[in-house]
Amino acid sequence: MRKFVLRLSTLFVLMVAVLSGVALFWVSQQVQQLERDQRLIRQQVSSEQEGIRVLSAEWDYLNRPERLEYLANRYLKNMERVAPENLLSNANALPQKLDAEEETSGIIQVVAPEKKPSSIKKISRKVDDVPQAPIRDNVSAAKNDFDSVLKQIEAGADE
C-alpha cells in the first residue's frame, strides 16, 4: 500500500472549496428569503391597490350629482341662514373663564368685539343644558400669557 501524504496546498484547496460551498449555500438561502419577502410585499401592494380601487368606486358612487342633490334637498332645507351678527370677526374674542358661581347658574360670558377692534362688549346668555361637572383644560404657560393679554385688552376698553 501506498502512503497518502497530505500536502499543505491540498489542505488549503480543500478548505477553500468547503468555505466556497458554505458561502454559496448561505447566499442561496438569503436570496430565497429575499424572494419570499418580495413576493409578500407584492401581494400587499396588490391588495392595497384593490382596496384603493374599491374605495374610489365607492367615492364615485356616493358623490353622484343626483344623490347629492337629493341629500341637500332632504337635510339642508331646514337650516337657517347664518346672520352676520353670529359670526366671530376677531379671533381674539374667546369665551372667558367663568367664576364658580356663574358655572352653577349656567351663564356663559362671551367677549365679542364691536366694529372697532379696541372696544369689547360682553354678552351673557342662559344655557339650557349645563353639564354637571365643568370641563377643565390643563393650564399652561401659554394660556396664562394669553389670559394676561385679554385682561390688558379689557382694561384698555374700560378706560
Protein backbone atom coordinates (compact mmCIF):
# COMPACT_ATOMS: atom_id res chain seq x y z
CA MET A 1 0.00 0.00 0.00
CA ARG A 2 0.95 3.40 -0.69
CA LYS A 3 1.06 6.04 1.92
CA PHE A 4 -1.19 9.00 1.33
CA VAL A 5 0.59 12.28 2.07
CA LEU A 6 -1.50 15.39 2.64
CA ARG A 7 0.28 18.47 1.48
CA LEU A 8 -0.36 21.97 2.75
CA SER A 9 -1.56 23.15 -0.68
CA THR A 10 -4.05 20.30 -0.88
CA LEU A 11 -5.35 21.17 2.56
CA PHE A 12 -5.64 24.83 1.54
CA VAL A 13 -7.56 23.96 -1.65
CA LEU A 14 -9.87 21.68 0.33
CA MET A 15 -10.60 24.46 2.90
CA VAL A 16 -11.30 26.97 0.11
CA ALA A 17 -13.70 24.52 -1.53
CA VAL A 18 -15.54 23.93 1.77
CA LEU A 19 -15.73 27.67 2.52
CA SER A 20 -16.94 28.35 -1.03
CA GLY A 21 -19.65 25.72 -0.63
CA VAL A 22 -20.77 27.19 2.72
CA ALA A 23 -20.78 30.72 1.26
CA LEU A 24 -22.75 29.55 -1.77
CA PHE A 25 -25.31 27.83 0.48
CA TRP A 26 -25.65 30.93 2.71
CA VAL A 27 -26.08 33.27 -0.29
CA SER A 28 -28.69 31.00 -1.87
CA GLN A 29 -30.67 30.92 1.41
CA GLN A 30 -30.51 34.72 1.66
CA VAL A 31 -31.73 35.08 -1.94
CA GLN A 32 -34.64 32.73 -1.29
CA GLN A 33 -35.59 34.70 1.85
CA LEU A 34 -35.48 37.98 -0.09
CA GLU A 35 -37.62 36.48 -2.85
CA ARG A 36 -40.21 35.40 -0.26
CA ASP A 37 -40.20 38.92 1.22
CA GLN A 38 -40.55 40.42 -2.25
CA ARG A 39 -43.49 38.13 -3.06
CA LEU A 40 -45.19 39.10 0.20
CA ILE A 41 -44.69 42.81 -0.45
CA ARG A 42 -46.07 42.47 -3.99
CA GLN A 43 -49.15 40.72 -2.58
CA GLN A 44 -49.64 43.52 -0.06
CA VAL A 45 -49.24 46.19 -2.76
CA SER A 46 -51.76 44.36 -4.94
CA SER A 47 -54.18 44.13 -2.02
CA GLU A 48 -53.81 47.85 -1.26
CA GLN A 49 -54.34 48.76 -4.92
CA GLU A 50 -57.51 46.68 -4.97
CA GLY A 51 -58.67 48.46 -1.81
CA ILE A 52 -57.96 51.82 -3.41
CA ARG A 53 -59.97 50.81 -6.49
CA VAL A 54 -62.91 49.75 -4.30
CA LEU A 55 -62.79 52.99 -2.28
CA SER A 56 -62.55 55.06 -5.45
CA ALA A 57 -65.59 53.30 -6.90
CA GLU A 58 -67.49 53.83 -3.65
CA TRP A 59 -66.49 57.50 -3.59
CA ASP A 60 -67.72 57.96 -7.16
CA TYR A 61 -70.98 56.18 -6.31
CA LEU A 62 -71.61 58.31 -3.20
CA ASN A 63 -70.80 61.60 -4.97
CA ARG A 64 -73.24 61.21 -7.83
CA PRO A 65 -74.81 64.63 -8.54
CA GLU A 66 -78.39 63.35 -8.31
CA ARG A 67 -77.69 61.73 -4.92
CA LEU A 68 -76.03 64.87 -3.58
CA GLU A 69 -78.94 66.97 -4.82
CA TYR A 70 -81.41 64.62 -3.09
CA LEU A 71 -79.45 64.76 0.20
CA ALA A 72 -79.13 68.54 0.02
CA ASN A 73 -82.87 68.91 -0.51
CA ARG A 74 -83.62 66.48 2.29
CA TYR A 75 -81.28 67.78 5.00
CA LEU A 76 -80.45 71.38 4.15
CA LYS A 77 -83.95 72.80 3.69
CA ASN A 78 -84.45 73.10 7.46
CA MET A 79 -81.24 75.02 8.03
CA GLU A 80 -81.35 78.72 8.78
CA ARG A 81 -79.09 81.27 7.17
CA VAL A 82 -76.19 82.50 9.29
CA ALA A 83 -76.63 86.08 10.38
CA PRO A 84 -73.55 88.32 10.28
CA GLU A 85 -74.01 89.03 13.99
CA ASN A 86 -73.41 85.34 14.73
CA LEU A 87 -70.01 85.29 13.04
CA LEU A 88 -66.86 85.97 15.01
CA SER A 89 -64.92 88.74 13.30
CA ASN A 90 -61.93 88.75 15.63
CA ALA A 91 -60.06 85.62 16.69
CA ASN A 92 -59.02 87.30 19.95
CA ALA A 93 -62.62 87.27 21.17
CA LEU A 94 -62.78 83.98 23.04
CA PRO A 95 -65.05 82.86 25.88
CA GLN A 96 -63.75 83.96 29.25
CA LYS A 97 -63.20 81.73 32.23
CA LEU A 98 -66.31 81.50 34.41
CA ASP A 99 -66.43 82.01 38.14
CA ALA A 100 -67.66 79.14 40.29
CA GLU A 101 -70.99 80.95 40.87
CA GLU A 102 -71.53 81.59 37.15
CA GLU A 103 -70.73 77.95 36.32
CA THR A 104 -73.51 76.70 38.56
CA SER A 105 -76.02 79.29 37.30
CA GLY A 106 -75.46 78.31 33.66
CA ILE A 107 -74.46 81.75 32.36
CA ILE A 108 -71.77 81.96 29.69
CA GLN A 109 -69.94 85.19 29.05
CA VAL A 110 -68.57 85.72 25.58
CA VAL A 111 -66.28 88.58 24.68
CA ALA A 112 -67.17 89.83 21.21
CA PRO A 113 -65.59 92.88 19.60
CA GLU A 114 -67.70 95.64 18.16
CA LYS A 115 -66.81 97.32 14.90
CA LYS A 116 -63.71 98.87 16.47
CA PRO A 117 -61.15 96.23 17.48
CA SER A 118 -60.14 98.21 20.59
CA SER A 119 -63.62 98.17 22.17
CA ILE A 120 -65.06 94.94 23.57
CA LYS A 121 -68.59 94.22 24.74
CA LYS A 122 -69.71 91.34 26.97
CA ILE A 123 -72.67 89.18 26.03
CA SER A 124 -74.32 86.97 28.65
CA ARG A 125 -76.65 84.14 27.72
CA LYS A 126 -78.53 81.50 29.66
CA VAL A 127 -77.69 77.90 28.78
CA ASP A 128 -80.41 75.23 28.83
CA ASP A 129 -78.19 72.20 29.32
CA VAL A 130 -75.36 72.86 31.73
CA PRO A 131 -73.04 69.90 32.32
CA GLN A 132 -72.89 68.70 35.91
CA ALA A 133 -69.10 68.77 36.05
CA PRO A 134 -67.36 71.62 34.22
CA ILE A 135 -64.77 70.66 31.65
CA ARG A 136 -61.34 71.91 32.60
CA ASP A 137 -58.29 72.13 30.39
CA ASN A 138 -54.73 71.89 31.61
CA VAL A 139 -53.46 75.43 32.13
CA SER A 140 -50.10 76.03 30.51
CA ALA A 141 -47.75 78.97 30.45
CA ALA A 142 -49.02 79.95 27.01
CA LYS A 143 -52.62 80.04 28.35
CA ASN A 144 -51.55 82.31 31.21
CA ASP A 145 -49.83 84.64 28.74
CA PHE A 146 -52.97 84.73 26.60
CA ASP A 147 -55.13 85.47 29.65
CA SER A 148 -52.90 88.39 30.57
CA VAL A 149 -53.22 89.78 27.02
CA LEU A 150 -57.02 89.51 27.24
CA LYS A 151 -57.01 91.29 30.61
CA GLN A 152 -54.92 94.11 29.13
CA ILE A 153 -57.39 94.44 26.25
CA GLU A 154 -60.31 94.56 28.69
CA ALA A 155 -58.54 97.13 30.84
CA GLY A 156 -57.92 99.27 27.72
CA ALA A 157 -61.61 99.00 26.75
CA ASP A 158 -62.81 100.04 30.20
CA GLU A 159 -60.79 103.28 30.12
